[in-house]
Amino acid sequence: MIDDHAAVEAAVLNPEFLASVLERHRAEAHLLLAQAAEEWMAGGCIRFSDDEVACTAAVVGRLKRDLKHRRRGGLQLIAFLETGGWTEAHLDGSADPATVPRPDLALYLGVHHDVQMTIECKRLLNPSATARDYVTDGLCRFLDGRYPTDSGCATMLGFLLDRDAMKARAQINTVIEDLLDDQQILETVSPIGNLDSVYRSQHSAREFEAIHFLLDVRSRKPLVRV
């Protein structure tokens, strides 16, 4: 039973406390995303097709299941996945998610769940989806304000369908150096969970950093060839 409601409210509204919860939620969200990606790859990367939306739907399916089975406690991350009406058939990879409106993948963080973590997903598959597309139609959406950052952090998920993470990173960095500058390239960071293809880019002009998960799915074929 709470005896001093004023003291509890003051603690919850304390800026340092709010910032600490947001930071914990962000770390938990990145770990959950990494675990969902690992589970998907370990299970053979089952997906309807090589389309970006089909890959995204498959990872979202694992993420939703992980969230559902997590034990609840005080001030934990609560996620709302904006998936445009995807059904279980879309999420388990047996139906084409491109038949419903393109989703936004977002998690809501913080004590009041009012900080949106937008996760931008892009695939790399020549000639239709290039490293340049990853930057101009992905990263730049955070840089030009089309997508919000969650209090200084952006998150990207890359599906590598015809190259490994090392090559993809080099190609993305070449585009960044050409269009932006060499201070904004992807740098290797410590693994998140068991996922080691994780990178960070710093963007001082917009005062945020981006975390990039690059997933090598070359050896796993889709249900439908496109």
C-alpha atoms as a PDB file:
ATOM      1  CA  MET A   1       0.000   0.000   0.000  1.00  0.00           C
ATOM      2  CA  ILE A   2       1.290   3.475  -0.909  1.00  0.00           C
ATOM      3  CA  ASP A   3       1.226   5.856   2.062  1.00  0.00           C
ATOM      4  CA  ASP A   4       2.776   8.950   0.513  1.00  0.00           C
ATOM      5  CA  HIS A   5       1.364   9.525  -2.969  1.00  0.00           C
ATOM      6  CA  ALA A   6       3.104  12.909  -3.264  1.00  0.00           C
ATOM      7  CA  ALA A   7       6.501  11.330  -2.662  1.00  0.00           C
ATOM      8  CA  VAL A   8       5.825   8.634  -5.270  1.00  0.00           C
ATOM      9  CA  GLU A   9       4.712  11.233  -7.826  1.00  0.00           C
ATOM     10  CA  ALA A  10       7.773  13.379  -7.146  1.00  0.00           C
ATOM     11  CA  ALA A  11      10.041  10.365  -7.645  1.00  0.00           C
ATOM     12  CA  VAL A  12       8.353   9.399 -10.903  1.00  0.00           C
ATOM     13  CA  LEU A  13       8.607  12.939 -12.262  1.00  0.00           C
ATOM     14  CA  ASN A  14      12.253  13.339 -11.268  1.00  0.00           C
ATOM     15  CA  PRO A  15      14.183  14.050 -14.521  1.00  0.00           C
ATOM     16  CA  GLU A  16      17.103  11.798 -13.574  1.00  0.00           C
ATOM     17  CA  PHE A  17      14.734   8.933 -12.788  1.00  0.00           C
ATOM     18  CA  LEU A  18      12.837   9.433 -16.050  1.00  0.00           C
ATOM     19  CA  ALA A  19      16.110   9.460 -18.007  1.00  0.00           C
ATOM     20  CA  SER A  20      17.295   6.273 -16.286  1.00  0.00           C
ATOM     21  CA  VAL A  21      14.076   4.422 -17.133  1.00  0.00           C
ATOM     22  CA  LEU A  22      14.266   5.589 -20.753  1.00  0.00           C
ATOM     23  CA  GLU A  23      17.860   4.383 -21.035  1.00  0.00           C
ATOM     24  CA  ARG A  24      16.933   1.001 -19.561  1.00  0.00           C
ATOM     25  CA  HIS A  25      13.970   0.662 -21.890  1.00  0.00           C
ATOM     26  CA  ARG A  26      16.128   1.516 -24.896  1.00  0.00           C
ATOM     27  CA  ALA A  27      18.705  -1.121 -23.934  1.00  0.00           C
ATOM     28  CA  GLU A  28      15.939  -3.689 -23.363  1.00  0.00           C
ATOM     29  CA  ALA A  29      14.344  -2.846 -26.714  1.00  0.00           C
ATOM     30  CA  HIS A  30      17.643  -3.325 -28.565  1.00  0.00           C
ATOM     31  CA  LEU A  31      18.245  -6.625 -26.749  1.00  0.00           C
ATOM     32  CA  LEU A  32      14.738  -7.859 -27.594  1.00  0.00           C
ATOM     33  CA  LEU A  33      15.224  -6.873 -31.228  1.00  0.00           C
ATOM     34  CA  ALA A  34      18.582  -8.680 -31.351  1.00  0.00           C
ATOM     35  CA  GLN A  35      17.071 -11.795 -29.774  1.00  0.00           C
ATOM     36  CA  ALA A  36      14.142 -11.776 -32.207  1.00  0.00           C
ATOM     37  CA  ALA A  37      16.582 -11.495 -35.122  1.00  0.00           C
ATOM     38  CA  GLU A  38      18.712 -14.340 -33.725  1.00  0.00           C
ATOM     39  CA  GLU A  39      15.649 -16.573 -33.294  1.00  0.00           C
ATOM     40  CA  TRP A  40      14.525 -15.830 -36.836  1.00  0.00           C
ATOM     41  CA  MET A  41      17.930 -16.644 -38.328  1.00  0.00           C
ATOM     42  CA  ALA A  42      18.347 -19.776 -36.182  1.00  0.00           C
ATOM     43  CA  GLY A  43      14.970 -20.989 -37.426  1.00  0.00           C
ATOM     44  CA  GLY A  44      15.978 -20.613 -41.059  1.00  0.00           C
ATOM     45  CA  CYS A  45      14.745 -17.070 -41.730  1.00  0.00           C
ATOM     46  CA  ILE A  46      11.263 -18.246 -42.747  1.00  0.00           C
ATOM     47  CA  ARG A  47       9.552 -15.476 -44.709  1.00  0.00           C
ATOM     48  CA  PHE A  48       7.063 -15.126 -47.522  1.00  0.00           C
ATOM     49  CA  SER A  49       9.534 -13.518 -49.928  1.00  0.00           C
ATOM     50  CA  ASP A  50      12.703 -11.440 -50.100  1.00  0.00           C
ATOM     51  CA  ASP A  51      10.675  -8.224 -50.040  1.00  0.00           C
ATOM     52  CA  GLU A  52      11.609  -5.830 -47.260  1.00  0.00           C
ATOM     53  CA  VAL A  53       8.135  -5.942 -45.756  1.00  0.00           C
ATOM     54  CA  ALA A  54       8.147  -9.767 -45.652  1.00  0.00           C
ATOM     55  CA  CYS A  55      11.469  -9.829 -43.796  1.00  0.00           C
ATOM     56  CA  THR A  56      10.227  -7.171 -41.393  1.00  0.00           C
ATOM     57  CA  ALA A  57       7.005  -9.067 -40.689  1.00  0.00           C
ATOM     58  CA  ALA A  58       8.918 -12.236 -39.823  1.00  0.00           C
ATOM     59  CA  VAL A  59      11.131 -10.458 -37.268  1.00  0.00           C
ATOM     60  CA  VAL A  60       8.123  -8.634 -35.814  1.00  0.00           C
ATOM     61  CA  GLY A  61       6.438 -12.009 -35.312  1.00  0.00           C
ATOM     62  CA  ARG A  62       9.323 -13.194 -33.103  1.00  0.00           C
ATOM     63  CA  LEU A  63       9.442  -9.869 -31.285  1.00  0.00           C
ATOM     64  CA  LYS A  64       5.726 -10.029 -30.476  1.00  0.00           C
ATOM     65  CA  ARG A  65       6.055 -13.549 -29.092  1.00  0.00           C
ATOM     66  CA  ASP A  66       9.056 -12.586 -26.965  1.00  0.00           C
ATOM     67  CA  LEU A  67       7.172  -9.617 -25.532  1.00  0.00           C
ATOM     68  CA  LYS A  68       4.119 -11.744 -24.787  1.00  0.00           C
ATOM     69  CA  HIS A  69       6.120 -14.299 -22.839  1.00  0.00           C
ATOM     70  CA  ARG A  70       8.196 -11.857 -20.823  1.00  0.00           C
ATOM     71  CA  ARG A  71       7.452 -11.744 -17.129  1.00  0.00           C
ATOM     72  CA  ARG A  72       5.945  -8.409 -16.209  1.00  0.00           C
ATOM     73  CA  GLY A  73       7.364  -6.185 -13.497  1.00  0.00           C
ATOM     74  CA  GLY A  74       7.391  -2.558 -12.447  1.00  0.00           C
ATOM     75  CA  LEU A  75       8.270   0.071 -15.045  1.00  0.00           C
ATOM     76  CA  GLN A  76       9.070  -2.404 -17.797  1.00  0.00           C
ATOM     77  CA  LEU A  77       9.168  -1.627 -21.484  1.00  0.00           C
ATOM     78  CA  ILE A  78       5.740  -1.728 -23.092  1.00  0.00           C
ATOM     79  CA  ALA A  79       5.681  -2.040 -26.853  1.00  0.00           C
ATOM     80  CA  PHE A  80       3.001  -1.151 -29.352  1.00  0.00           C
ATOM     81  CA  LEU A  81       3.806  -2.557 -32.771  1.00  0.00           C
ATOM     82  CA  GLU A  82       2.193  -0.547 -35.552  1.00  0.00           C
ATOM     83  CA  THR A  83       1.930  -3.253 -38.191  1.00  0.00           C
ATOM     84  CA  GLY A  84      -0.806  -2.072 -40.522  1.00  0.00           C
ATOM     85  CA  GLY A  85      -3.209  -4.940 -39.900  1.00  0.00           C
ATOM     86  CA  TRP A  86      -0.860  -7.918 -40.275  1.00  0.00           C
ATOM     87  CA  THR A  87      -2.463 -11.237 -39.294  1.00  0.00           C
ATOM     88  CA  GLU A  88      -0.790 -14.328 -37.812  1.00  0.00           C
ATOM     89  CA  ALA A  89      -0.394 -15.682 -41.356  1.00  0.00           C
ATOM     90  CA  HIS A  90       1.653 -12.610 -42.287  1.00  0.00           C
ATOM     91  CA  LEU A  91       3.728 -12.845 -39.114  1.00  0.00           C
ATOM     92  CA  ASP A  92       4.603 -16.546 -39.479  1.00  0.00           C
ATOM     93  CA  GLY A  93       5.724 -16.063 -43.081  1.00  0.00           C
ATOM     94  CA  SER A  94       2.971 -17.989 -44.875  1.00  0.00           C
ATOM     95  CA  ALA A  95       1.072 -15.018 -46.367  1.00  0.00           C
ATOM     96  CA  ASP A  96       2.237 -11.964 -48.287  1.00  0.00           C
ATOM     97  CA  PRO A  97       2.358  -8.880 -45.969  1.00  0.00           C
ATOM     98  CA  ALA A  98       2.660  -6.598 -49.007  1.00  0.00           C
ATOM     99  CA  THR A  99      -1.098  -7.038 -49.473  1.00  0.00           C
ATOM    100  CA  VAL A 100      -1.789  -4.809 -46.461  1.00  0.00           C
ATOM    101  CA  PRO A 101      -0.629  -1.197 -45.938  1.00  0.00           C
ATOM    102  CA  ARG A 102       3.098  -0.780 -45.304  1.00  0.00           C
ATOM    103  CA  PRO A 103       3.728  -0.822 -41.539  1.00  0.00           C
ATOM    104  CA  ASP A 104       5.692   1.404 -39.241  1.00  0.00           C
ATOM    105  CA  LEU A 105       7.577  -0.552 -36.601  1.00  0.00           C
ATOM    106  CA  ALA A 106       7.616   1.448 -33.376  1.00  0.00           C
ATOM    107  CA  LEU A 107       8.205   0.754 -29.698  1.00  0.00           C
ATOM    108  CA  TYR A 108       7.147   3.203 -27.011  1.00  0.00           C
ATOM    109  CA  LEU A 109       9.591   3.763 -24.171  1.00  0.00           C
ATOM    110  CA  GLY A 110       9.834   5.588 -20.860  1.00  0.00           C
ATOM    111  CA  VAL A 111       7.719   5.751 -17.696  1.00  0.00           C
ATOM    112  CA  HIS A 112       4.780   7.220 -19.619  1.00  0.00           C
ATOM    113  CA  HIS A 113       5.585   5.320 -22.840  1.00  0.00           C
ATOM    114  CA  ASP A 114       5.666   8.631 -24.671  1.00  0.00           C
ATOM    115  CA  VAL A 115       9.062   8.258 -26.363  1.00  0.00           C
ATOM    116  CA  GLN A 116       8.788   6.579 -29.765  1.00  0.00           C
ATOM    117  CA  MET A 117      11.546   4.261 -30.955  1.00  0.00           C
ATOM    118  CA  THR A 118      11.093   4.068 -34.717  1.00  0.00           C
ATOM    119  CA  ILE A 119      12.854   1.096 -36.281  1.00  0.00           C
ATOM    120  CA  GLU A 120      13.584   1.625 -39.966  1.00  0.00           C
ATOM    121  CA  CYS A 121      14.042  -1.627 -41.880  1.00  0.00           C
ATOM    122  CA  LYS A 122      15.873  -1.843 -45.206  1.00  0.00           C
ATOM    123  CA  ARG A 123      17.085  -4.733 -47.326  1.00  0.00           C
ATOM    124  CA  LEU A 124      20.231  -4.930 -49.443  1.00  0.00           C
ATOM    125  CA  LEU A 125      19.830  -6.902 -52.670  1.00  0.00           C
ATOM    126  CA  ASN A 126      21.340  -5.806 -55.969  1.00  0.00           C
ATOM    127  CA  PRO A 127      20.214  -4.253 -58.184  1.00  0.00           C
ATOM    128  CA  SER A 128      16.902  -3.297 -56.591  1.00  0.00           C
ATOM    129  CA  ALA A 129      18.000  -2.403 -53.054  1.00  0.00           C
ATOM    130  CA  THR A 130      21.434  -0.838 -52.693  1.00  0.00           C
ATOM    131  CA  ALA A 131      23.645   0.610 -49.994  1.00  0.00           C
ATOM    132  CA  ARG A 132      22.723   4.026 -51.354  1.00  0.00           C
ATOM    133  CA  ASP A 133      19.052   3.235 -50.755  1.00  0.00           C
ATOM    134  CA  TYR A 134      19.923   2.202 -47.185  1.00  0.00           C
ATOM    135  CA  VAL A 135      21.335   5.671 -46.598  1.00  0.00           C
ATOM    136  CA  THR A 136      19.066   7.941 -48.661  1.00  0.00           C
ATOM    137  CA  ASP A 137      15.770   6.144 -47.971  1.00  0.00           C
ATOM    138  CA  GLY A 138      16.693   4.872 -44.516  1.00  0.00           C
ATOM    139  CA  LEU A 139      19.224   6.742 -42.415  1.00  0.00           C
ATOM    140  CA  CYS A 140      18.422  10.085 -44.024  1.00  0.00           C
ATOM    141  CA  ARG A 141      14.802   9.812 -42.859  1.00  0.00           C
ATOM    142  CA  PHE A 142      16.133  10.366 -39.347  1.00  0.00           C
ATOM    143  CA  LEU A 143      18.587  13.028 -40.489  1.00  0.00           C
ATOM    144  CA  ASP A 144      15.962  15.146 -42.241  1.00  0.00           C
ATOM    145  CA  GLY A 145      13.335  14.740 -39.537  1.00  0.00           C
ATOM    146  CA  ARG A 146      10.886  12.511 -41.409  1.00  0.00           C
ATOM    147  CA  TYR A 147      11.316   9.961 -38.626  1.00  0.00           C
ATOM    148  CA  PRO A 148      11.676  10.889 -34.948  1.00  0.00           C
ATOM    149  CA  THR A 149      14.594   9.743 -32.838  1.00  0.00           C
ATOM    150  CA  ASP A 150      13.976   8.482 -29.329  1.00  0.00           C
ATOM    151  CA  SER A 151      15.704  11.233 -27.357  1.00  0.00           C
ATOM    152  CA  GLY A 152      18.912  11.038 -29.336  1.00  0.00           C
ATOM    153  CA  CYS A 153      18.900   7.511 -30.751  1.00  0.00           C
ATOM    154  CA  ALA A 154      17.737   5.994 -34.042  1.00  0.00           C
ATOM    155  CA  THR A 155      17.527   2.294 -34.867  1.00  0.00           C
ATOM    156  CA  MET A 156      17.932   0.548 -38.227  1.00  0.00           C
ATOM    157  CA  LEU A 157      17.553  -3.082 -39.228  1.00  0.00           C
ATOM    158  CA  GLY A 158      19.212  -4.247 -42.445  1.00  0.00           C
ATOM    159  CA  PHE A 159      18.399  -7.519 -44.218  1.00  0.00           C
ATOM    160  CA  LEU A 160      21.460  -8.655 -46.193  1.00  0.00           C
ATOM    161  CA  LEU A 161      20.262 -10.924 -48.982  1.00  0.00           C
ATOM    162  CA  ASP A 162      23.378 -11.101 -51.168  1.00  0.00           C
ATOM    163  CA  ARG A 163      26.360 -10.006 -49.056  1.00  0.00           C
ATOM    164  CA  ASP A 164      27.822 -10.343 -45.574  1.00  0.00           C
ATOM    165  CA  ALA A 165      27.789  -7.698 -42.865  1.00  0.00           C
ATOM    166  CA  MET A 166      31.410  -6.652 -43.397  1.00  0.00           C
ATOM    167  CA  LYS A 167      30.844  -5.944 -47.094  1.00  0.00           C
ATOM    168  CA  ALA A 168      27.508  -4.237 -46.433  1.00  0.00           C
ATOM    169  CA  ARG A 169      29.051  -1.969 -43.820  1.00  0.00           C
ATOM    170  CA  ALA A 170      31.892  -0.987 -46.186  1.00  0.00           C
ATOM    171  CA  GLN A 171      29.437  -0.164 -48.971  1.00  0.00           C
ATOM    172  CA  ILE A 172      27.159   1.827 -46.657  1.00  0.00           C
ATOM    173  CA  ASN A 173      30.160   3.755 -45.339  1.00  0.00           C
ATOM    174  CA  THR A 174      31.277   4.612 -48.885  1.00  0.00           C
ATOM    175  CA  VAL A 175      27.847   6.161 -49.529  1.00  0.00           C
ATOM    176  CA  ILE A 176      27.911   8.031 -46.213  1.00  0.00           C
ATOM    177  CA  GLU A 177      31.348   9.460 -46.987  1.00  0.00           C
ATOM    178  CA  ASP A 178      30.085  10.536 -50.416  1.00  0.00           C
ATOM    179  CA  LEU A 179      26.779  12.077 -49.320  1.00  0.00           C
ATOM    180  CA  LEU A 180      27.537  13.140 -45.733  1.00  0.00           C
ATOM    181  CA  ASP A 181      31.043  12.926 -44.261  1.00  0.00           C
ATOM    182  CA  ASP A 182      33.455  10.401 -42.783  1.00  0.00           C
ATOM    183  CA  GLN A 183      32.480  11.352 -39.220  1.00  0.00           C
ATOM    184  CA  GLN A 184      29.093   9.653 -39.712  1.00  0.00           C
ATOM    185  CA  ILE A 185      30.187   6.214 -40.870  1.00  0.00           C
ATOM    186  CA  LEU A 186      29.185   2.934 -39.194  1.00  0.00           C
ATOM    187  CA  GLU A 187      31.583   1.817 -36.455  1.00  0.00           C
ATOM    188  CA  THR A 188      31.694  -1.615 -34.834  1.00  0.00           C
ATOM    189  CA  VAL A 189      30.311  -1.842 -31.273  1.00  0.00           C
ATOM    190  CA  SER A 190      29.997  -4.649 -28.740  1.00  0.00           C
ATOM    191  CA  PRO A 191      27.540  -7.444 -29.552  1.00  0.00           C
ATOM    192  CA  ILE A 192      23.982  -7.124 -28.307  1.00  0.00           C
ATOM    193  CA  GLY A 193      22.939 -10.491 -26.958  1.00  0.00           C
ATOM    194  CA  ASN A 194      24.636 -12.997 -29.263  1.00  0.00           C
ATOM    195  CA  LEU A 195      24.294 -10.750 -32.308  1.00  0.00           C
ATOM    196  CA  ASP A 196      27.702  -9.387 -33.283  1.00  0.00           C
ATOM    197  CA  SER A 197      26.833  -7.556 -36.523  1.00  0.00           C
ATOM    198  CA  VAL A 198      25.882  -4.387 -34.648  1.00  0.00           C
ATOM    199  CA  TYR A 199      27.190  -0.927 -35.555  1.00  0.00           C
ATOM    200  CA  ARG A 200      26.848   2.673 -34.428  1.00  0.00           C
ATOM    201  CA  SER A 201      26.946   5.919 -36.400  1.00  0.00           C
ATOM    202  CA  GLN A 202      27.202   9.387 -34.851  1.00  0.00           C
ATOM    203  CA  HIS A 203      25.334  12.382 -36.295  1.00  0.00           C
ATOM    204  CA  SER A 204      26.341  15.510 -34.412  1.00  0.00           C
ATOM    205  CA  ALA A 205      24.442  17.963 -36.633  1.00  0.00           C
ATOM    206  CA  ARG A 206      21.147  16.380 -35.586  1.00  0.00           C
ATOM    207  CA  GLU A 207      22.479  15.398 -32.144  1.00  0.00           C
ATOM    208  CA  PHE A 208      21.711  11.704 -32.326  1.00  0.00           C
ATOM    209  CA  GLU A 209      23.352   8.330 -32.826  1.00  0.00           C
ATOM    210  CA  ALA A 210      22.022   5.407 -34.837  1.00  0.00           C
ATOM    211  CA  ILE A 211      22.287   1.727 -33.978  1.00  0.00           C
ATOM    212  CA  HIS A 212      22.418  -0.578 -37.006  1.00  0.00           C
ATOM    213  CA  PHE A 213      21.628  -4.309 -36.932  1.00  0.00           C
ATOM    214  CA  LEU A 214      22.889  -5.942 -40.159  1.00  0.00           C
ATOM    215  CA  LEU A 215      21.441  -9.451 -40.584  1.00  0.00           C
ATOM    216  CA  ASP A 216      23.088 -11.895 -43.000  1.00  0.00           C
ATOM    217  CA  VAL A 217      20.279 -14.065 -44.405  1.00  0.00           C
ATOM    218  CA  ARG A 218      21.952 -15.149 -47.677  1.00  0.00           C
ATOM    219  CA  SER A 219      21.789 -18.895 -47.085  1.00  0.00           C
ATOM    220  CA  ARG A 220      18.086 -18.942 -46.202  1.00  0.00           C
ATOM    221  CA  LYS A 221      15.646 -18.904 -49.119  1.00  0.00           C
ATOM    222  CA  PRO A 222      12.095 -17.474 -49.032  1.00  0.00           C
ATOM    223  CA  LEU A 223       8.887 -19.434 -49.582  1.00  0.00           C
ATOM    224  CA  VAL A 224       8.255 -17.485 -52.793  1.00  0.00           C
ATOM    225  CA  ARG A 225      10.949 -16.337 -55.215  1.00  0.00           C
ATOM    226  CA  VAL A 226      10.551 -12.733 -56.413  1.00  0.00           C
END
